[in-house]
Amino acid sequence: MNNSVTIEQIAFLLLVAAVVAIAARRLRLPYSAGLVLAGVVIAFLPFALQTPLTKDLIFSVFLPPLIFEAALYIRWQELRRDLPLLFALVTVGLVLSATLTAIGMHFLIGWEWSGAVLFGALIAATDPVSVIVTFKEAGVRGRLRLLVESESLFNDGTAAVVFGVALTIATGGSWSSFAIVRTLLTMVFGGIICGALVAGGVLLMAGRTEDHLVEISLTTIAAYGAFLLAEHFRLSGVLATMTAGIIIGNIESPRALSAKGRIAVESFWEYIAFVVNSLIFILIGMHEAKQNFQDALLPVVAGIALVLAGRAATIYPCCALLGRFSTPVRMSHRHVLFWGGLRGALALALALGLPAEIPRRNEIVTVAFAVVAFSIFAQGLTMPPLLRRLGELPATENPAERRDD
């Protein structure tokens, strides 16, 4: 069977994405949920596409541009105020969430510790792809959007690092506590340094031209170059790309990007994000349709419940404790942070990349797909009504027609 992606397949999927985008606007439905549903329908067509959804495709092709595009719009002055809270959520909070999920899957479902720990690690992080799309569609602005999207981006990088360590241990590696901490710190700070170096080099080159096409090309190099450089040295590619995006997005010196170039760069990355998001969600829907959830009904229900419980145990205590030492987080923001902890492409990439010898690998993949489906449909579809009920989105506004500048 030929699983390669062809130009014809990409063109067909983009046509589907365009039709879904038009329909979603008119029906006032979340675009991402419509894409997944379209993917499910495509999977049952007589000429169903055999398009792969692999870890390499998601991790190396789709994630870098999405992370870079989101990071471009994060303002450092606003981010700095909430760094203590974000640090707590993506370190202590993520480990706590992963631990609770792993304990629950071991004692409630009877999974071996290795499989339970790996599932807890891969499903603990909120996914930047799903989260960013949902909040753009909802038209959320201000501190709430900054908190949700920034936590998702940082969480993504931390989860990938934690999962890598857990996978090494599960496949027979022997690690001391000191070695684990050293590896985590090296991957995190090494990734940040890689991103800063690539961004610095790109900005120096961009300052020597006012050709907006060259500037677009240089930012593309920054997005993928930072990621690939960090991954080459076994550092965090996600954090590298995120760092590069934040630096390029915040330095507005004439010696960096020109005024015309900055407008062109933002328009280019807005389109790239649309294309990549469309392809990801359609592919997720196509592969969701192939999962047999009935044979793993109990693990699926338990997995969804434990993921939600782990998220709640992360958000509410961290926000309450950190609020005493920094700007308090409103209770309505805490509710949105909890329910907005969507899972998506990252969890699937890590699950699909599990070695065949991992106990219950197929079951882990099935439950991961189920959690992602729940995130996209149950959480994604109810997010706009929740935002309106909490006063974070005007009731008369159409979320599908808003987009942050």
Protein backbone atom coordinates (compact mmCIF):
# COMPACT_ATOMS: atom_id res chain seq x y z
CA MET A 1 0.00 0.00 0.00
CA ASN A 2 1.35 3.46 -0.94
CA ASN A 3 1.17 5.79 2.05
CA SER A 4 3.00 8.73 0.50
CA VAL A 5 1.26 12.11 0.31
CA THR A 6 0.67 13.33 -3.26
CA ILE A 7 0.00 16.80 -4.62
CA GLU A 8 -3.46 15.64 -5.66
CA GLN A 9 -4.25 14.56 -2.09
CA ILE A 10 -3.05 17.87 -0.65
CA ALA A 11 -5.11 19.82 -3.20
CA PHE A 12 -8.20 17.75 -2.39
CA LEU A 13 -7.75 18.24 1.38
CA LEU A 14 -7.31 22.00 0.94
CA LEU A 15 -10.51 22.12 -1.11
CA VAL A 16 -12.29 20.30 1.72
CA ALA A 17 -10.78 22.76 4.21
CA ALA A 18 -12.03 25.75 2.23
CA VAL A 19 -15.56 24.32 2.01
CA VAL A 20 -15.57 23.51 5.73
CA ALA A 21 -14.32 27.02 6.57
CA ILE A 22 -17.20 28.60 4.62
CA ALA A 23 -19.76 26.25 6.19
CA ALA A 24 -18.35 26.76 9.70
CA ARG A 25 -18.73 30.53 9.40
CA ARG A 26 -22.33 30.28 8.27
CA LEU A 27 -23.28 27.66 10.85
CA ARG A 28 -21.24 29.37 13.58
CA LEU A 29 -19.46 26.14 14.47
CA PRO A 30 -15.81 25.68 15.48
CA TYR A 31 -13.71 25.21 12.36
CA SER A 32 -11.49 22.53 13.92
CA ALA A 33 -14.44 20.31 14.84
CA GLY A 34 -15.80 20.66 11.31
CA LEU A 35 -12.47 19.59 9.84
CA VAL A 36 -12.28 16.48 12.03
CA LEU A 37 -15.84 15.56 11.09
CA ALA A 38 -14.95 16.06 7.41
CA GLY A 39 -11.98 13.76 7.90
CA VAL A 40 -14.25 11.07 9.35
CA VAL A 41 -16.54 11.35 6.33
CA ILE A 42 -13.59 11.15 3.91
CA ALA A 43 -12.40 7.95 5.60
CA PHE A 44 -15.64 6.20 4.58
CA LEU A 45 -15.69 7.36 0.97
CA PRO A 46 -15.20 4.69 -1.73
CA PHE A 47 -11.99 6.41 -2.80
CA ALA A 48 -10.74 6.95 0.76
CA LEU A 49 -7.27 8.46 0.81
CA GLN A 50 -4.45 6.43 2.31
CA THR A 51 -2.73 9.46 3.83
CA PRO A 52 -0.33 8.70 6.69
CA LEU A 53 -0.45 10.30 10.10
CA THR A 54 2.95 9.63 11.64
CA LYS A 55 5.03 11.06 14.43
CA ASP A 56 7.59 12.45 11.96
CA LEU A 57 4.89 14.15 9.88
CA ILE A 58 3.29 15.83 12.90
CA PHE A 59 6.48 16.57 14.81
CA SER A 60 8.85 17.67 12.05
CA VAL A 61 6.49 19.11 9.42
CA PHE A 62 3.35 20.41 11.14
CA LEU A 63 4.41 21.57 14.61
CA PRO A 64 7.26 24.02 13.79
CA PRO A 65 5.18 26.45 11.68
CA LEU A 66 2.23 26.34 14.08
CA ILE A 67 4.40 27.00 17.11
CA PHE A 68 6.34 29.73 15.32
CA GLU A 69 3.18 31.49 14.12
CA ALA A 70 1.65 31.47 17.59
CA ALA A 71 4.88 32.67 19.23
CA LEU A 72 5.11 35.62 16.81
CA TYR A 73 2.14 37.24 18.54
CA ILE A 74 3.21 36.71 22.14
CA ARG A 75 4.30 40.01 23.64
CA TRP A 76 7.24 39.63 26.02
CA GLN A 77 6.17 42.50 28.27
CA GLU A 78 2.86 40.79 28.93
CA LEU A 79 4.35 37.31 29.16
CA ARG A 80 6.96 38.32 31.75
CA ARG A 81 4.27 39.19 34.29
CA ASP A 82 2.91 35.63 34.30
CA LEU A 83 6.17 33.69 33.98
CA PRO A 84 6.08 32.37 37.61
CA LEU A 85 2.58 30.93 37.09
CA LEU A 86 3.45 29.52 33.67
CA PHE A 87 6.63 27.94 35.05
CA ALA A 88 4.64 26.24 37.82
CA LEU A 89 2.01 24.95 35.39
CA VAL A 90 4.49 23.49 32.90
CA THR A 91 6.74 21.86 35.50
CA VAL A 92 5.06 20.87 38.75
CA GLY A 93 1.60 20.98 37.19
CA LEU A 94 2.51 18.82 34.23
CA VAL A 95 4.27 16.20 36.37
CA LEU A 96 1.32 16.13 38.78
CA SER A 97 -1.17 15.68 35.95
CA ALA A 98 0.90 12.92 34.33
CA THR A 99 1.37 11.16 37.67
CA LEU A 100 -2.33 11.16 38.57
CA THR A 101 -3.26 9.83 35.14
CA ALA A 102 -0.62 7.09 35.31
CA ILE A 103 -1.68 6.02 38.82
CA GLY A 104 -5.31 5.89 37.75
CA MET A 105 -4.63 3.83 34.61
CA HIS A 106 -2.52 1.38 36.64
CA PHE A 107 -4.84 0.81 39.59
CA LEU A 108 -8.25 1.33 37.93
CA ILE A 109 -7.62 -0.29 34.55
CA GLY A 110 -4.75 -2.62 35.41
CA TRP A 111 -2.22 -1.30 32.90
CA GLU A 112 1.45 -2.13 33.53
CA TRP A 113 3.39 0.73 35.06
CA SER A 114 5.46 1.29 31.92
CA GLY A 115 2.41 1.76 29.70
CA ALA A 116 0.53 3.80 32.29
CA VAL A 117 3.46 6.18 32.85
CA LEU A 118 4.01 6.68 29.13
CA PHE A 119 0.33 7.38 28.57
CA GLY A 120 0.30 9.84 31.47
CA ALA A 121 3.34 11.65 30.06
CA LEU A 122 2.14 11.90 26.46
CA ILE A 123 -1.41 12.97 27.33
CA ALA A 124 -0.52 15.46 30.10
CA ALA A 125 0.37 18.40 27.90
CA THR A 126 -2.19 20.68 26.37
CA ASP A 127 -1.61 20.77 22.63
CA PRO A 128 -0.75 24.10 20.97
CA VAL A 129 -2.42 23.12 17.70
CA SER A 130 -5.87 22.50 19.22
CA VAL A 131 -5.69 25.23 21.85
CA ILE A 132 -4.51 28.03 19.56
CA VAL A 133 -7.08 27.25 16.88
CA THR A 134 -9.91 27.12 19.41
CA PHE A 135 -9.04 30.44 21.00
CA LYS A 136 -8.51 32.20 17.68
CA GLU A 137 -11.94 31.00 16.57
CA ALA A 138 -13.51 32.15 19.83
CA GLY A 139 -11.94 35.59 19.52
CA VAL A 140 -10.43 35.52 23.00
CA ARG A 141 -8.03 38.37 23.72
CA GLY A 142 -6.04 39.85 26.58
CA ARG A 143 -4.49 38.05 29.52
CA LEU A 144 -6.70 34.97 29.24
CA ARG A 145 -5.56 34.18 25.71
CA LEU A 146 -1.95 34.90 26.65
CA LEU A 147 -2.14 32.50 29.60
CA VAL A 148 -3.81 29.68 27.68
CA GLU A 149 -1.67 29.86 24.55
CA SER A 150 1.63 30.48 26.38
CA GLU A 151 1.01 27.63 28.80
CA SER A 152 0.19 25.37 25.88
CA LEU A 153 3.40 26.27 24.04
CA PHE A 154 5.65 25.85 27.08
CA ASN A 155 3.73 22.75 28.18
CA ASP A 156 4.27 21.22 24.77
CA GLY A 157 8.04 21.44 25.03
CA THR A 158 8.18 20.23 28.62
CA ALA A 159 5.90 17.27 27.93
CA ALA A 160 7.99 16.15 24.97
CA VAL A 161 11.09 16.21 27.18
CA VAL A 162 9.39 14.32 30.04
CA PHE A 163 7.99 11.77 27.60
CA GLY A 164 11.46 11.19 26.13
CA VAL A 165 12.89 10.42 29.55
CA ALA A 166 9.94 8.17 30.43
CA LEU A 167 10.31 6.27 27.15
CA THR A 168 14.01 5.69 27.73
CA ILE A 169 13.31 4.27 31.19
CA ALA A 170 10.39 2.15 29.91
CA THR A 171 12.57 0.58 27.20
CA GLY A 172 15.23 -0.54 29.64
CA GLY A 173 17.33 2.52 30.34
CA SER A 174 18.64 3.12 33.84
CA TRP A 175 18.50 6.69 35.07
CA SER A 176 19.38 8.25 38.40
CA SER A 177 17.42 11.20 39.75
CA PHE A 178 20.39 13.47 39.08
CA ALA A 179 20.65 12.26 35.47
CA ILE A 180 16.94 12.87 34.88
CA VAL A 181 17.09 16.42 36.22
CA ARG A 182 20.27 17.17 34.27
CA THR A 183 18.74 15.84 31.05
CA LEU A 184 15.56 17.83 31.53
CA LEU A 185 17.45 21.07 32.18
CA THR A 186 19.81 20.47 29.28
CA MET A 187 16.99 19.84 26.82
CA VAL A 188 14.95 22.82 27.98
CA PHE A 189 17.67 25.47 28.23
CA GLY A 190 19.57 24.02 25.28
CA GLY A 191 16.46 24.34 23.14
CA ILE A 192 15.97 27.94 24.24
CA ILE A 193 19.59 28.77 23.40
CA CYS A 194 19.28 27.16 19.96
CA GLY A 195 16.19 29.21 19.24
CA ALA A 196 17.85 32.43 20.36
CA LEU A 197 20.94 31.79 18.22
CA VAL A 198 18.91 31.01 15.09
CA ALA A 199 16.64 34.03 15.63
CA GLY A 200 19.64 36.30 16.15
CA GLY A 201 21.27 35.09 12.95
CA VAL A 202 18.05 35.51 10.97
CA LEU A 203 17.48 39.05 12.25
CA LEU A 204 21.04 40.05 11.39
CA MET A 205 20.53 38.83 7.82
CA ALA A 206 17.07 40.40 7.56
CA GLY A 207 18.51 43.76 8.59
CA ARG A 208 20.58 43.78 5.41
CA THR A 209 17.59 43.70 3.07
CA GLU A 210 14.17 45.29 2.61
CA ASP A 211 12.94 42.59 0.25
CA HIS A 212 9.87 41.18 1.97
CA LEU A 213 10.18 37.89 0.09
CA VAL A 214 13.67 37.39 1.48
CA GLU A 215 12.40 38.24 4.95
CA ILE A 216 9.61 35.68 4.65
CA SER A 217 12.18 33.09 3.57
CA LEU A 218 14.39 33.91 6.53
CA THR A 219 11.53 33.49 9.03
CA THR A 220 10.74 30.11 7.45
CA ILE A 221 14.36 29.15 8.01
CA ALA A 222 14.02 30.32 11.62
CA ALA A 223 10.91 28.19 12.25
CA TYR A 224 12.30 24.96 10.85
CA GLY A 225 15.99 25.69 11.41
CA ALA A 226 15.63 26.25 15.14
CA PHE A 227 13.58 23.07 15.48
CA LEU A 228 15.92 20.87 13.44
CA LEU A 229 19.08 22.27 15.04
CA ALA A 230 17.77 21.58 18.55
CA GLU A 231 16.51 18.10 17.64
CA HIS A 232 19.88 17.29 16.03
CA PHE A 233 21.56 17.84 19.39
CA ARG A 234 18.69 16.05 21.20
CA LEU A 235 17.38 19.24 22.73
CA SER A 236 13.82 20.58 22.72
CA GLY A 237 12.94 21.57 19.17
CA VAL A 238 9.55 22.87 20.28
CA LEU A 239 11.10 25.31 22.77
CA ALA A 240 13.71 26.31 20.18
CA THR A 241 11.06 27.26 17.60
CA MET A 242 8.96 28.98 20.24
CA THR A 243 11.95 31.05 21.39
CA ALA A 244 12.80 32.02 17.82
CA GLY A 245 9.21 33.12 17.22
CA ILE A 246 9.02 35.20 20.40
CA ILE A 247 12.33 36.96 19.64
CA ILE A 248 11.46 37.75 16.02
CA GLY A 249 7.96 38.85 16.98
CA ASN A 250 9.14 41.21 19.72
CA ILE A 251 12.17 42.89 18.15
CA GLU A 252 10.78 45.70 16.01
CA SER A 253 14.01 47.53 15.27
CA PRO A 254 14.37 48.85 11.68
CA ARG A 255 17.62 46.85 11.59
CA ALA A 256 15.57 43.68 11.92
CA LEU A 257 12.45 43.23 9.80
CA SER A 258 11.34 46.16 7.66
CA ALA A 259 7.85 47.61 8.10
CA LYS A 260 6.69 46.10 4.80
CA GLY A 261 8.45 42.85 5.62
CA ARG A 262 6.73 42.51 9.01
CA ILE A 263 3.28 42.89 7.42
CA ALA A 264 4.18 40.36 4.74
CA VAL A 265 5.63 37.93 7.31
CA GLU A 266 2.52 38.04 9.47
CA SER A 267 0.22 37.50 6.46
CA PHE A 268 2.37 34.62 5.24
CA TRP A 269 2.37 32.83 8.59
CA GLU A 270 -1.36 33.38 9.03
CA TYR A 271 -1.92 31.50 5.77
CA ILE A 272 0.59 28.76 6.62
CA ALA A 273 -1.13 28.23 9.97
CA PHE A 274 -4.48 27.90 8.19
CA VAL A 275 -3.11 25.30 5.76
CA VAL A 276 -1.30 23.24 8.38
CA ASN A 277 -4.20 23.36 10.85
CA SER A 278 -6.55 22.22 8.09
CA LEU A 279 -4.39 19.27 7.12
CA ILE A 280 -3.80 18.19 10.73
CA PHE A 281 -7.45 18.15 11.76
CA ILE A 282 -8.64 16.43 8.59
CA LEU A 283 -5.97 13.74 9.02
CA ILE A 284 -6.94 13.32 12.67
CA GLY A 285 -10.55 12.80 11.62
CA MET A 286 -9.57 10.25 8.96
CA HIS A 287 -7.60 8.25 11.51
CA GLU A 288 -10.19 8.66 14.28
CA ALA A 289 -12.61 6.81 12.00
CA LYS A 290 -10.28 3.80 11.94
CA GLN A 291 -10.12 3.42 15.72
CA ASN A 292 -12.19 0.71 17.40
CA PHE A 293 -13.19 2.47 20.61
CA GLN A 294 -15.75 -0.19 21.63
CA ASP A 295 -13.06 -2.79 22.33
CA ALA A 296 -11.37 -0.40 24.76
CA LEU A 297 -14.44 1.32 26.18
CA LEU A 298 -13.44 1.12 29.86
CA PRO A 299 -9.87 2.44 29.30
CA VAL A 300 -11.29 5.18 27.07
CA VAL A 301 -13.79 6.38 29.67
CA ALA A 302 -11.21 6.14 32.45
CA GLY A 303 -8.59 7.92 30.34
CA ILE A 304 -10.88 10.86 29.61
CA ALA A 305 -11.95 11.16 33.25
CA LEU A 306 -8.39 10.93 34.56
CA VAL A 307 -7.09 13.50 32.08
CA LEU A 308 -9.77 15.96 33.20
CA ALA A 309 -9.08 15.22 36.88
CA GLY A 310 -5.36 15.70 36.35
CA ARG A 311 -5.98 19.00 34.60
CA ALA A 312 -8.17 20.23 37.45
CA ALA A 313 -5.57 19.18 40.03
CA THR A 314 -3.04 21.25 38.10
CA ILE A 315 -4.91 24.46 37.33
CA TYR A 316 -6.81 25.30 40.49
CA PRO A 317 -4.07 24.71 43.13
CA CYS A 318 -1.33 26.35 41.04
CA CYS A 319 -3.43 29.43 40.31
CA ALA A 320 -4.50 29.71 43.96
CA LEU A 321 -0.96 29.40 45.33
CA LEU A 322 0.80 31.55 42.75
CA GLY A 323 -1.90 34.19 42.99
CA ARG A 324 -0.60 35.06 46.44
CA PHE A 325 2.78 36.08 45.06
CA SER A 326 1.83 37.59 41.69
CA THR A 327 -1.18 38.97 39.86
CA PRO A 328 -4.16 36.80 40.90
CA VAL A 329 -5.91 34.74 38.25
CA ARG A 330 -9.66 35.32 38.18
CA MET A 331 -11.83 32.29 38.87
CA SER A 332 -13.42 32.59 35.43
CA HIS A 333 -9.93 32.41 33.89
CA ARG A 334 -9.19 29.30 35.94
CA HIS A 335 -12.32 27.61 34.61
CA VAL A 336 -11.30 28.42 31.03
CA LEU A 337 -7.74 27.23 31.66
CA PHE A 338 -9.15 23.95 32.96
CA TRP A 339 -11.69 23.31 30.21
CA GLY A 340 -9.41 24.78 27.54
CA GLY A 341 -6.73 22.18 28.19
CA LEU A 342 -7.33 20.46 24.86
CA ARG A 343 -5.28 17.54 23.62
CA GLY A 344 -4.42 17.07 19.98
CA ALA A 345 -1.66 16.43 17.49
CA LEU A 346 1.22 16.30 19.98
CA ALA A 347 -0.34 13.49 22.02
CA LEU A 348 -1.03 11.53 18.84
CA ALA A 349 2.50 12.07 17.55
CA LEU A 350 4.01 10.73 20.77
CA ALA A 351 1.57 7.80 20.90
CA LEU A 352 2.14 6.83 17.27
CA GLY A 353 5.89 6.95 17.87
CA LEU A 354 5.80 4.35 20.67
CA PRO A 355 7.91 1.26 19.95
CA ALA A 356 6.02 -1.95 19.20
CA GLU A 357 7.41 -3.66 22.31
CA ILE A 358 5.75 -1.23 24.72
CA PRO A 359 3.02 -3.08 26.69
CA ARG A 360 -0.50 -2.24 25.45
CA ARG A 361 0.85 0.04 22.71
CA ASN A 362 -2.24 -0.34 20.51
CA GLU A 363 -4.51 0.31 23.48
CA ILE A 364 -2.53 3.43 24.39
CA VAL A 365 -2.90 4.75 20.83
CA THR A 366 -6.65 4.06 20.86
CA VAL A 367 -7.19 5.82 24.20
CA ALA A 368 -5.05 8.76 23.04
CA PHE A 369 -7.23 9.13 19.94
CA ALA A 370 -10.34 8.99 22.15
CA VAL A 371 -9.06 11.71 24.47
CA VAL A 372 -8.22 13.90 21.47
CA ALA A 373 -11.70 13.31 20.00
CA PHE A 374 -13.28 14.29 23.32
CA SER A 375 -11.11 17.43 23.44
CA ILE A 376 -12.01 18.56 19.95
CA PHE A 377 -15.74 17.84 20.09
CA ALA A 378 -16.85 18.01 23.74
CA GLN A 379 -14.45 20.72 24.92
CA GLY A 380 -13.99 22.53 21.63
CA LEU A 381 -17.70 22.82 20.81
CA THR A 382 -18.61 23.98 24.32
CA MET A 383 -15.78 26.51 24.64
CA PRO A 384 -17.58 29.52 23.03
CA PRO A 385 -20.74 29.05 25.17
CA LEU A 386 -18.56 28.70 28.27
CA LEU A 387 -16.66 31.89 27.40
CA ARG A 388 -19.93 33.78 26.95
CA ARG A 389 -21.36 32.42 30.18
CA LEU A 390 -18.24 33.48 32.08
CA GLY A 391 -18.31 36.92 30.50
CA GLU A 392 -15.15 36.43 28.47
CA LEU A 393 -16.93 36.70 25.11
CA PRO A 394 -19.90 38.93 24.24
CA ALA A 395 -23.05 36.91 23.64
CA THR A 396 -23.89 38.84 20.46
CA GLU A 397 -20.55 38.24 18.77
CA ASN A 398 -19.90 35.53 16.22
CA PRO A 399 -16.70 33.77 17.27
CA ALA A 400 -16.12 32.42 13.77
CA GLU A 401 -15.70 35.94 12.40
CA ARG A 402 -13.08 37.15 14.86
CA ARG A 403 -9.36 36.91 14.54
CA ASP A 404 -6.67 38.59 16.53
CA ASP A 405 -4.55 41.15 14.77
